[in-house]
Amino acid sequence: MLYAIGHNTEGFNITQTKQLTKFSKHRSAWVRQGLTYAIGVIDNPTSIECLIELSKDHITTIRDWATFGLGTLVESDDTNIRRALWERVNDKDQNTRFEAIVGLAKRKDSPVKEIIQRELESEDCGSQIFEAIIELNEKDFLPFLEKELQKSKQNNNINPEWIKDLENCINELGNNDEYPI
């Protein structure tokens, strides 16, 4: 039912949101995960407070969805949201970590640049990092990205979709037609 509600939250008010957030401490992880889906797009203080709480859940998928809600789906920006996102930038789960990084980049939180650099230099940099770079519009990454593209094109083991995302990131940053999609 919570997933169905998540498709119909337009115009939800605080009272309705409070009814939903009562499930935030439910013993069932499925219920808490459904709740993150239901309230992820509701941009009001009650849902944001609940998403912040759920972004600390011990279940990975709940943390991931709550962080996605806070970072990408919610337009609000305040100290509590940023603090919650910063708490997730070192999460053991890569998706959760990347959602936090994108959310901080979307909010132009410039210290996230160091975290992005760390992820770029790791062995398993995901396409969401390119999204974060585009959100920051950080052209300082262009030389590194272009070098990475040249190396990647010579490696048949790299997913072609990842390479396409890398090319898109370079194009977005540099308005460069050298790598048309």
Protein backbone atom coordinates (compact mmCIF):
# COMPACT_ATOMS: atom_id res chain seq x y z
CA MET A 1 0.00 0.00 0.00
CA LEU A 2 2.85 2.41 0.77
CA TYR A 3 4.28 1.93 -2.72
CA ALA A 4 0.87 2.75 -4.20
CA ILE A 5 0.66 5.86 -2.04
CA GLY A 6 4.08 6.87 -3.38
CA HIS A 7 2.48 7.25 -6.83
CA ASN A 8 -0.24 9.55 -5.48
CA THR A 9 1.34 12.04 -3.08
CA GLU A 10 0.80 15.23 -5.04
CA GLY A 11 -0.78 17.76 -2.74
CA PHE A 12 -0.12 15.78 0.44
CA ASN A 13 -0.34 17.98 3.51
CA ILE A 14 1.48 17.75 6.84
CA THR A 15 -1.35 15.84 8.54
CA GLN A 16 -1.39 13.18 5.83
CA THR A 17 2.40 12.96 5.88
CA LYS A 18 2.41 12.52 9.67
CA GLN A 19 0.06 9.56 9.27
CA LEU A 20 2.56 7.92 6.94
CA THR A 21 5.65 8.67 9.00
CA LYS A 22 4.19 6.71 11.92
CA PHE A 23 5.60 3.67 10.12
CA SER A 24 9.21 4.90 10.34
CA LYS A 25 10.04 2.62 13.28
CA HIS A 26 8.02 -0.35 12.07
CA ARG A 27 9.76 -3.66 12.79
CA SER A 28 9.34 -4.78 9.18
CA ALA A 29 12.05 -3.60 6.83
CA TRP A 30 9.57 -3.98 3.96
CA VAL A 31 7.24 -1.47 5.58
CA ARG A 32 10.06 1.01 6.24
CA GLN A 33 11.30 0.61 2.67
CA GLY A 34 7.79 1.20 1.34
CA LEU A 35 7.63 4.30 3.50
CA THR A 36 10.79 5.72 1.92
CA TYR A 37 9.14 5.27 -1.46
CA ALA A 38 5.87 6.83 -0.30
CA ILE A 39 7.40 9.96 1.21
CA GLY A 40 10.50 10.36 -0.95
CA VAL A 41 8.89 12.99 -3.14
CA ILE A 42 6.95 14.81 -0.43
CA ASP A 43 8.88 18.01 0.17
CA ASN A 44 7.75 19.13 3.61
CA PRO A 45 9.48 19.24 7.01
CA THR A 46 7.71 16.11 8.30
CA SER A 47 8.75 13.90 5.41
CA ILE A 48 12.27 15.33 5.34
CA GLU A 49 12.73 14.64 9.06
CA CYS A 50 11.54 11.08 8.50
CA LEU A 51 13.81 10.58 5.48
CA ILE A 52 16.76 11.81 7.53
CA GLU A 53 15.92 9.23 10.20
CA LEU A 54 15.51 6.47 7.60
CA SER A 55 18.80 7.41 5.93
CA LYS A 56 20.44 5.94 9.05
CA ASP A 57 18.55 2.63 8.93
CA HIS A 58 20.58 -0.56 9.31
CA ILE A 59 18.99 -1.98 6.13
CA THR A 60 20.93 -0.91 3.04
CA THR A 61 18.00 -0.48 0.64
CA ILE A 62 16.18 1.73 3.14
CA ARG A 63 19.24 3.95 3.62
CA ASP A 64 19.68 4.09 -0.16
CA TRP A 65 16.06 5.07 -0.93
CA ALA A 66 15.93 7.60 1.90
CA THR A 67 19.20 9.15 0.75
CA PHE A 68 17.90 9.26 -2.84
CA GLY A 69 14.78 11.03 -1.60
CA LEU A 70 16.79 13.58 0.36
CA GLY A 71 19.45 14.07 -2.26
CA THR A 72 17.56 14.01 -5.54
CA LEU A 73 13.80 14.01 -5.14
CA VAL A 74 13.45 16.71 -2.47
CA GLU A 75 14.18 20.25 -3.64
CA SER A 76 14.54 21.69 -0.12
CA ASP A 77 18.00 22.55 1.10
CA ASP A 78 18.96 23.15 4.70
CA THR A 79 21.64 22.26 7.23
CA ASN A 80 19.86 19.11 8.40
CA ILE A 81 19.54 17.73 4.88
CA ARG A 82 23.18 18.45 4.09
CA ARG A 83 24.32 16.96 7.38
CA ALA A 84 22.35 13.77 6.65
CA LEU A 85 23.87 13.57 3.16
CA TRP A 86 27.38 14.11 4.53
CA GLU A 87 26.78 11.25 6.96
CA ARG A 88 26.23 8.98 3.96
CA VAL A 89 29.22 9.94 1.75
CA ASN A 90 31.29 7.18 3.37
CA ASP A 91 28.49 4.61 3.51
CA LYS A 92 29.62 1.04 2.93
CA ASP A 93 26.92 0.72 0.26
CA GLN A 94 28.05 2.26 -3.02
CA ASN A 95 24.56 3.29 -4.19
CA THR A 96 23.80 5.05 -0.92
CA ARG A 97 27.18 6.77 -1.03
CA PHE A 98 26.63 7.91 -4.62
CA GLU A 99 23.12 9.21 -3.84
CA ALA A 100 24.57 11.34 -1.05
CA ILE A 101 27.31 12.68 -3.32
CA VAL A 102 24.82 13.59 -6.05
CA GLY A 103 22.57 15.29 -3.48
CA LEU A 104 25.42 17.42 -2.17
CA ALA A 105 26.55 18.28 -5.70
CA LYS A 106 22.98 19.25 -6.60
CA ARG A 107 23.12 21.68 -3.68
CA LYS A 108 26.47 23.05 -4.89
CA ASP A 109 28.16 21.98 -1.64
CA SER A 110 31.71 22.55 -2.89
CA PRO A 111 33.56 20.39 -0.30
CA VAL A 112 31.97 17.35 -2.01
CA LYS A 113 34.50 17.91 -4.80
CA GLU A 114 37.12 16.05 -2.72
CA ILE A 115 34.76 13.10 -2.28
CA ILE A 116 34.09 13.03 -6.02
CA GLN A 117 37.82 13.00 -6.71
CA ARG A 118 38.23 10.07 -4.31
CA GLU A 119 35.49 8.15 -6.10
CA LEU A 120 36.94 8.92 -9.53
CA GLU A 121 40.27 7.49 -8.45
CA SER A 122 38.70 4.32 -7.08
CA GLU A 123 38.52 1.11 -9.06
CA ASP A 124 34.71 1.15 -9.18
CA CYS A 125 33.54 4.63 -10.09
CA GLY A 126 29.87 4.59 -11.04
CA SER A 127 28.02 6.75 -13.54
CA GLN A 128 26.31 8.63 -10.72
CA ILE A 129 29.63 10.32 -10.03
CA PHE A 130 29.44 11.79 -13.53
CA GLU A 131 25.98 13.08 -12.63
CA ALA A 132 27.46 14.75 -9.54
CA ILE A 133 30.21 16.38 -11.62
CA ILE A 134 27.61 17.74 -14.04
CA GLU A 135 25.51 19.04 -11.13
CA LEU A 136 28.55 20.88 -9.77
CA ASN A 137 29.54 21.99 -13.28
CA GLU A 138 33.09 21.34 -12.17
CA LYS A 139 35.30 21.77 -15.23
CA ASP A 140 38.44 21.02 -13.20
CA PHE A 141 37.59 17.35 -13.67
CA LEU A 142 37.75 17.53 -17.48
CA PRO A 143 41.43 16.57 -17.94
CA PHE A 144 41.03 13.55 -15.66
CA LEU A 145 37.78 12.50 -17.37
CA GLU A 146 39.24 12.85 -20.85
CA LYS A 147 42.26 10.76 -19.86
CA GLU A 148 39.94 8.15 -18.33
CA LEU A 149 37.89 8.05 -21.52
CA GLN A 150 40.95 7.32 -23.64
CA LYS A 151 41.99 4.48 -21.31
CA SER A 152 38.48 3.09 -21.16
CA LYS A 153 38.03 2.93 -24.91
CA GLN A 154 41.00 0.58 -25.06
CA ASN A 155 39.52 -1.80 -22.50
CA ASN A 156 36.91 -4.22 -23.87
CA ASN A 157 35.85 -5.20 -20.35
CA ILE A 158 34.29 -1.82 -19.59
CA ASN A 159 30.54 -1.47 -19.97
CA PRO A 160 29.78 0.60 -23.09
CA GLU A 161 26.95 2.38 -21.21
CA TRP A 162 29.49 3.60 -18.63
CA ILE A 163 31.68 4.93 -21.43
CA LYS A 164 28.65 6.67 -22.96
CA ASP A 165 27.89 8.26 -19.56
CA LEU A 166 31.52 9.40 -19.30
CA GLU A 167 31.34 10.91 -22.80
CA ASN A 168 28.10 12.67 -21.87
CA CYS A 169 29.71 14.11 -18.76
CA ILE A 170 32.64 15.44 -20.79
CA ASN A 171 30.25 16.93 -23.35
CA GLU A 172 28.10 18.55 -20.67
CA LEU A 173 31.11 20.10 -18.96
CA GLY A 174 32.98 21.24 -21.98
CA ASN A 175 30.20 21.68 -24.49
CA ASN A 176 32.55 19.57 -26.51
CA ASP A 177 31.39 17.86 -29.70
CA GLU A 178 34.48 15.69 -29.87
CA TYR A 179 32.61 12.78 -28.28
CA PRO A 180 29.10 12.92 -29.76
CA ILE A 181 26.59 10.54 -28.25
